[in-house]
Amino acid sequence: MPTYFVERAIPPSFDVLDPDQIALHTRWATDAYQAAGITWLGGVATDAGTMYGLVVAESDSDIERYCASIGVAKQEFKVRKVIAALGPFTAMAKDDPRYRPLQR
């Protein structure tokens, strides 16, 4: 199934520094994602007032249905299809014969 990156504003009533609110909001999100047939891999909140989530879904229309179910209008979120996973888990081993140090 495809993986998607979802961006939306942090709701004004959601204090992402309050552990009780985090627990409640992430429970709501987990339940709503499951009801929409989506697997939520997790996300982050930024100091810019934006939340980002990584999800696995059959299609972006599943994500639109999820957002509608929690009262988020279509123009209030962005969805991008992930085309490649990047990170330390994809890094080449230094003992790989193809490895060469970064030249600056």
N, C-alpha and C. Protein backbone atom coordinates (compact mmCIF):
# COMPACT_ATOMS: atom_id res chain seq x y z
N MET A 1 0.85 -1.18 0.00
CA MET A 1 0.00 0.00 0.00
C MET A 1 0.89 1.24 0.00
N PRO A 2 0.42 2.30 -0.62
CA PRO A 2 1.20 3.53 -0.67
C PRO A 2 1.31 4.20 0.71
N THR A 3 2.38 4.94 0.88
CA THR A 3 2.60 5.73 2.08
C THR A 3 2.43 7.20 1.70
N TYR A 4 1.83 7.97 2.61
CA TYR A 4 1.56 9.38 2.36
C TYR A 4 2.07 10.23 3.52
N PHE A 5 2.43 11.45 3.18
CA PHE A 5 2.85 12.47 4.14
C PHE A 5 1.72 13.48 4.21
N VAL A 6 1.18 13.71 5.41
CA VAL A 6 0.04 14.60 5.58
C VAL A 6 0.46 15.81 6.41
N GLU A 7 0.13 16.99 5.92
CA GLU A 7 0.45 18.25 6.60
C GLU A 7 -0.83 19.00 6.92
N ARG A 8 -0.90 19.52 8.15
CA ARG A 8 -2.04 20.37 8.51
C ARG A 8 -1.66 21.25 9.69
N ALA A 9 -2.44 22.30 9.90
CA ALA A 9 -2.20 23.21 11.03
C ALA A 9 -2.58 22.52 12.33
N ILE A 10 -1.85 22.86 13.38
CA ILE A 10 -2.21 22.38 14.71
C ILE A 10 -3.49 23.10 15.12
N PRO A 11 -4.52 22.37 15.54
CA PRO A 11 -5.75 23.04 15.98
C PRO A 11 -5.46 24.01 17.12
N PRO A 12 -6.07 25.19 17.11
CA PRO A 12 -5.81 26.20 18.14
C PRO A 12 -6.05 25.70 19.56
N SER A 13 -6.98 24.76 19.72
CA SER A 13 -7.30 24.25 21.06
C SER A 13 -6.37 23.12 21.52
N PHE A 14 -5.41 22.74 20.68
CA PHE A 14 -4.52 21.62 20.99
C PHE A 14 -3.17 22.15 21.45
N ASP A 15 -2.88 21.97 22.74
CA ASP A 15 -1.58 22.35 23.30
C ASP A 15 -0.66 21.15 23.20
N VAL A 16 0.23 21.17 22.20
CA VAL A 16 1.10 20.01 21.94
C VAL A 16 2.20 19.84 23.00
N LEU A 17 2.24 20.73 23.98
CA LEU A 17 3.20 20.59 25.08
C LEU A 17 2.54 19.99 26.32
N ASP A 18 1.25 19.73 26.26
CA ASP A 18 0.51 19.17 27.39
C ASP A 18 0.35 17.65 27.18
N PRO A 19 1.00 16.83 28.00
CA PRO A 19 0.94 15.38 27.80
C PRO A 19 -0.48 14.81 27.81
N ASP A 20 -1.37 15.37 28.63
CA ASP A 20 -2.75 14.88 28.66
C ASP A 20 -3.46 15.17 27.34
N GLN A 21 -3.24 16.36 26.79
CA GLN A 21 -3.86 16.70 25.50
C GLN A 21 -3.27 15.86 24.38
N ILE A 22 -1.96 15.63 24.44
CA ILE A 22 -1.32 14.78 23.43
C ILE A 22 -1.95 13.39 23.46
N ALA A 23 -2.11 12.84 24.66
CA ALA A 23 -2.69 11.49 24.79
C ALA A 23 -4.11 11.45 24.23
N LEU A 24 -4.91 12.47 24.53
CA LEU A 24 -6.29 12.50 24.06
C LEU A 24 -6.36 12.69 22.54
N HIS A 25 -5.62 13.67 22.02
CA HIS A 25 -5.67 13.94 20.58
C HIS A 25 -5.11 12.79 19.77
N THR A 26 -4.06 12.14 20.26
CA THR A 26 -3.52 11.02 19.50
C THR A 26 -4.44 9.80 19.58
N ARG A 27 -5.20 9.65 20.66
CA ARG A 27 -6.22 8.59 20.72
C ARG A 27 -7.29 8.86 19.68
N TRP A 28 -7.78 10.13 19.63
CA TRP A 28 -8.79 10.48 18.63
C TRP A 28 -8.27 10.20 17.22
N ALA A 29 -7.03 10.61 16.94
CA ALA A 29 -6.45 10.41 15.61
C ALA A 29 -6.32 8.92 15.30
N THR A 30 -5.83 8.15 16.25
CA THR A 30 -5.67 6.71 16.05
C THR A 30 -7.00 6.05 15.71
N ASP A 31 -8.03 6.37 16.49
CA ASP A 31 -9.35 5.78 16.25
C ASP A 31 -9.91 6.19 14.89
N ALA A 32 -9.77 7.48 14.54
CA ALA A 32 -10.30 7.97 13.26
C ALA A 32 -9.53 7.37 12.08
N TYR A 33 -8.21 7.26 12.19
CA TYR A 33 -7.43 6.63 11.13
C TYR A 33 -7.87 5.18 10.95
N GLN A 34 -8.01 4.44 12.05
CA GLN A 34 -8.43 3.04 11.96
C GLN A 34 -9.80 2.92 11.30
N ALA A 35 -10.73 3.80 11.67
CA ALA A 35 -12.08 3.77 11.08
C ALA A 35 -12.04 4.03 9.58
N ALA A 36 -11.05 4.78 9.12
CA ALA A 36 -10.91 5.09 7.69
C ALA A 36 -10.07 4.05 6.95
N GLY A 37 -9.59 3.01 7.67
CA GLY A 37 -8.78 1.98 7.04
C GLY A 37 -7.35 2.40 6.77
N ILE A 38 -6.86 3.33 7.58
CA ILE A 38 -5.51 3.89 7.40
C ILE A 38 -4.63 3.48 8.58
N THR A 39 -3.37 3.19 8.28
CA THR A 39 -2.39 2.92 9.33
C THR A 39 -1.58 4.18 9.55
N TRP A 40 -1.62 4.71 10.77
CA TRP A 40 -0.86 5.90 11.13
C TRP A 40 0.48 5.47 11.69
N LEU A 41 1.56 5.89 11.05
CA LEU A 41 2.90 5.52 11.49
C LEU A 41 3.48 6.50 12.51
N GLY A 42 2.81 7.63 12.70
CA GLY A 42 3.27 8.63 13.66
C GLY A 42 3.42 9.98 12.99
N GLY A 43 3.82 10.95 13.77
CA GLY A 43 3.95 12.28 13.24
C GLY A 43 4.70 13.19 14.18
N VAL A 44 4.75 14.45 13.81
CA VAL A 44 5.44 15.47 14.62
C VAL A 44 4.65 16.76 14.57
N ALA A 45 4.84 17.57 15.61
CA ALA A 45 4.32 18.93 15.65
C ALA A 45 5.51 19.87 15.66
N THR A 46 5.42 20.98 14.94
CA THR A 46 6.55 21.90 14.84
C THR A 46 6.24 23.22 15.52
N ASP A 47 7.30 24.01 15.73
CA ASP A 47 7.13 25.33 16.33
C ASP A 47 6.51 26.33 15.35
N ALA A 48 6.27 25.89 14.13
CA ALA A 48 5.63 26.75 13.13
C ALA A 48 4.11 26.58 13.15
N GLY A 49 3.59 25.78 14.10
CA GLY A 49 2.15 25.58 14.20
C GLY A 49 1.60 24.57 13.22
N THR A 50 2.46 23.68 12.76
CA THR A 50 2.09 22.69 11.76
C THR A 50 2.33 21.28 12.29
N MET A 51 1.45 20.36 11.93
CA MET A 51 1.63 18.94 12.25
C MET A 51 1.88 18.19 10.95
N TYR A 52 2.72 17.17 11.03
CA TYR A 52 3.02 16.31 9.90
C TYR A 52 2.84 14.87 10.34
N GLY A 53 2.19 14.08 9.50
CA GLY A 53 1.98 12.67 9.81
C GLY A 53 2.37 11.80 8.65
N LEU A 54 2.75 10.58 8.96
CA LEU A 54 3.09 9.59 7.96
C LEU A 54 2.07 8.47 8.08
N VAL A 55 1.38 8.17 6.98
CA VAL A 55 0.32 7.18 7.01
C VAL A 55 0.43 6.22 5.82
N VAL A 56 -0.17 5.05 5.99
CA VAL A 56 -0.27 4.07 4.92
C VAL A 56 -1.75 3.92 4.61
N ALA A 57 -2.11 4.12 3.34
CA ALA A 57 -3.51 4.07 2.93
C ALA A 57 -3.62 3.54 1.50
N GLU A 58 -4.79 3.02 1.17
CA GLU A 58 -5.02 2.54 -0.19
C GLU A 58 -4.94 3.69 -1.20
N SER A 59 -5.46 4.88 -0.80
CA SER A 59 -5.45 6.02 -1.72
C SER A 59 -5.57 7.31 -0.93
N ASP A 60 -5.31 8.43 -1.61
CA ASP A 60 -5.44 9.71 -0.94
C ASP A 60 -6.90 10.03 -0.60
N SER A 61 -7.84 9.39 -1.28
CA SER A 61 -9.26 9.61 -0.94
C SER A 61 -9.58 9.05 0.45
N ASP A 62 -8.88 8.01 0.88
CA ASP A 62 -9.04 7.51 2.25
C ASP A 62 -8.63 8.58 3.25
N ILE A 63 -7.56 9.31 2.93
CA ILE A 63 -7.08 10.37 3.81
C ILE A 63 -8.07 11.53 3.83
N GLU A 64 -8.64 11.84 2.68
CA GLU A 64 -9.67 12.89 2.63
C GLU A 64 -10.87 12.50 3.50
N ARG A 65 -11.25 11.22 3.45
CA ARG A 65 -12.37 10.74 4.28
C ARG A 65 -12.01 10.86 5.77
N TYR A 66 -10.77 10.51 6.12
CA TYR A 66 -10.32 10.64 7.51
C TYR A 66 -10.42 12.11 7.96
N CYS A 67 -9.88 13.01 7.16
CA CYS A 67 -9.90 14.43 7.54
C CYS A 67 -11.33 14.94 7.71
N ALA A 68 -12.21 14.56 6.79
CA ALA A 68 -13.61 14.97 6.91
C ALA A 68 -14.23 14.42 8.19
N SER A 69 -13.84 13.20 8.59
CA SER A 69 -14.42 12.59 9.78
C SER A 69 -14.02 13.31 11.06
N ILE A 70 -12.90 14.03 11.02
CA ILE A 70 -12.48 14.79 12.22
C ILE A 70 -12.72 16.29 12.06
N GLY A 71 -13.43 16.66 10.99
CA GLY A 71 -13.83 18.05 10.81
C GLY A 71 -12.79 18.95 10.18
N VAL A 72 -11.83 18.37 9.45
CA VAL A 72 -10.81 19.17 8.77
C VAL A 72 -11.20 19.32 7.30
N ALA A 73 -11.40 20.54 6.86
CA ALA A 73 -11.79 20.81 5.48
C ALA A 73 -10.65 20.47 4.52
N LYS A 74 -11.01 20.12 3.29
CA LYS A 74 -10.02 19.70 2.29
C LYS A 74 -8.92 20.73 2.07
N GLN A 75 -9.27 22.02 2.11
CA GLN A 75 -8.28 23.07 1.88
C GLN A 75 -7.36 23.29 3.10
N GLU A 76 -7.61 22.60 4.21
CA GLU A 76 -6.82 22.79 5.43
C GLU A 76 -5.73 21.74 5.62
N PHE A 77 -5.54 20.85 4.65
CA PHE A 77 -4.48 19.86 4.75
C PHE A 77 -3.89 19.60 3.38
N LYS A 78 -2.66 19.09 3.38
CA LYS A 78 -1.98 18.71 2.14
C LYS A 78 -1.55 17.26 2.27
N VAL A 79 -1.65 16.53 1.18
CA VAL A 79 -1.25 15.13 1.15
C VAL A 79 -0.23 14.96 0.03
N ARG A 80 0.87 14.30 0.35
CA ARG A 80 1.90 14.01 -0.64
C ARG A 80 2.20 12.51 -0.60
N LYS A 81 2.29 11.89 -1.77
CA LYS A 81 2.64 10.48 -1.84
C LYS A 81 4.15 10.32 -1.64
N VAL A 82 4.54 9.43 -0.77
CA VAL A 82 5.95 9.16 -0.52
C VAL A 82 6.47 8.27 -1.64
N ILE A 83 7.58 8.68 -2.26
CA ILE A 83 8.15 7.89 -3.35
C ILE A 83 9.40 7.13 -2.94
N ALA A 84 10.00 7.52 -1.81
CA ALA A 84 11.18 6.80 -1.31
C ALA A 84 11.35 7.10 0.18
N ALA A 85 11.74 6.07 0.92
CA ALA A 85 12.07 6.25 2.33
C ALA A 85 13.56 6.57 2.44
N LEU A 86 13.88 7.57 3.24
CA LEU A 86 15.26 8.00 3.41
C LEU A 86 15.57 8.08 4.90
N GLY A 87 16.78 7.78 5.26
CA GLY A 87 17.18 7.90 6.66
C GLY A 87 18.37 7.00 6.95
N PRO A 88 18.80 6.99 8.20
CA PRO A 88 19.94 6.17 8.58
C PRO A 88 19.75 4.69 8.25
N PHE A 89 18.50 4.24 8.24
CA PHE A 89 18.21 2.83 7.94
C PHE A 89 18.49 2.49 6.48
N THR A 90 18.68 3.48 5.61
CA THR A 90 19.01 3.23 4.21
C THR A 90 20.48 3.55 3.90
N ALA A 91 21.24 3.97 4.91
CA ALA A 91 22.64 4.38 4.68
C ALA A 91 23.52 3.18 4.33
N MET A 92 24.39 3.43 3.38
CA MET A 92 25.35 2.42 2.96
C MET A 92 26.36 2.18 4.09
N ALA A 93 26.73 0.94 4.29
CA ALA A 93 27.75 0.62 5.28
C ALA A 93 29.11 1.17 4.83
N LYS A 94 29.89 1.64 5.78
CA LYS A 94 31.20 2.20 5.43
C LYS A 94 32.15 1.14 4.89
N ASP A 95 31.89 -0.12 5.18
CA ASP A 95 32.76 -1.17 4.64
C ASP A 95 32.28 -1.69 3.28
N ASP A 96 31.24 -1.09 2.73
CA ASP A 96 30.76 -1.45 1.39
C ASP A 96 31.80 -0.96 0.38
N PRO A 97 32.18 -1.80 -0.57
CA PRO A 97 33.21 -1.40 -1.55
C PRO A 97 32.82 -0.18 -2.39
N ARG A 98 31.54 0.13 -2.47
CA ARG A 98 31.08 1.29 -3.24
C ARG A 98 31.15 2.59 -2.42
N TYR A 99 31.35 2.47 -1.11
CA TYR A 99 31.35 3.64 -0.25
C TYR A 99 32.54 4.55 -0.55
N ARG A 100 32.28 5.85 -0.52
CA ARG A 100 33.36 6.84 -0.60
C ARG A 100 32.95 8.00 0.28
N PRO A 101 33.89 8.59 1.02
CA PRO A 101 33.56 9.72 1.91
C PRO A 101 33.05 10.93 1.12
N LEU A 102 32.22 11.69 1.75
CA LEU A 102 31.70 12.92 1.15
C LEU A 102 32.85 13.89 0.92
N GLN A 103 32.94 14.43 -0.28
CA GLN A 103 33.98 15.40 -0.60
C GLN A 103 33.37 16.80 -0.56
N ARG A 104 33.97 17.69 0.19
CA ARG A 104 33.46 19.07 0.28
C ARG A 104 34.42 20.03 -0.32
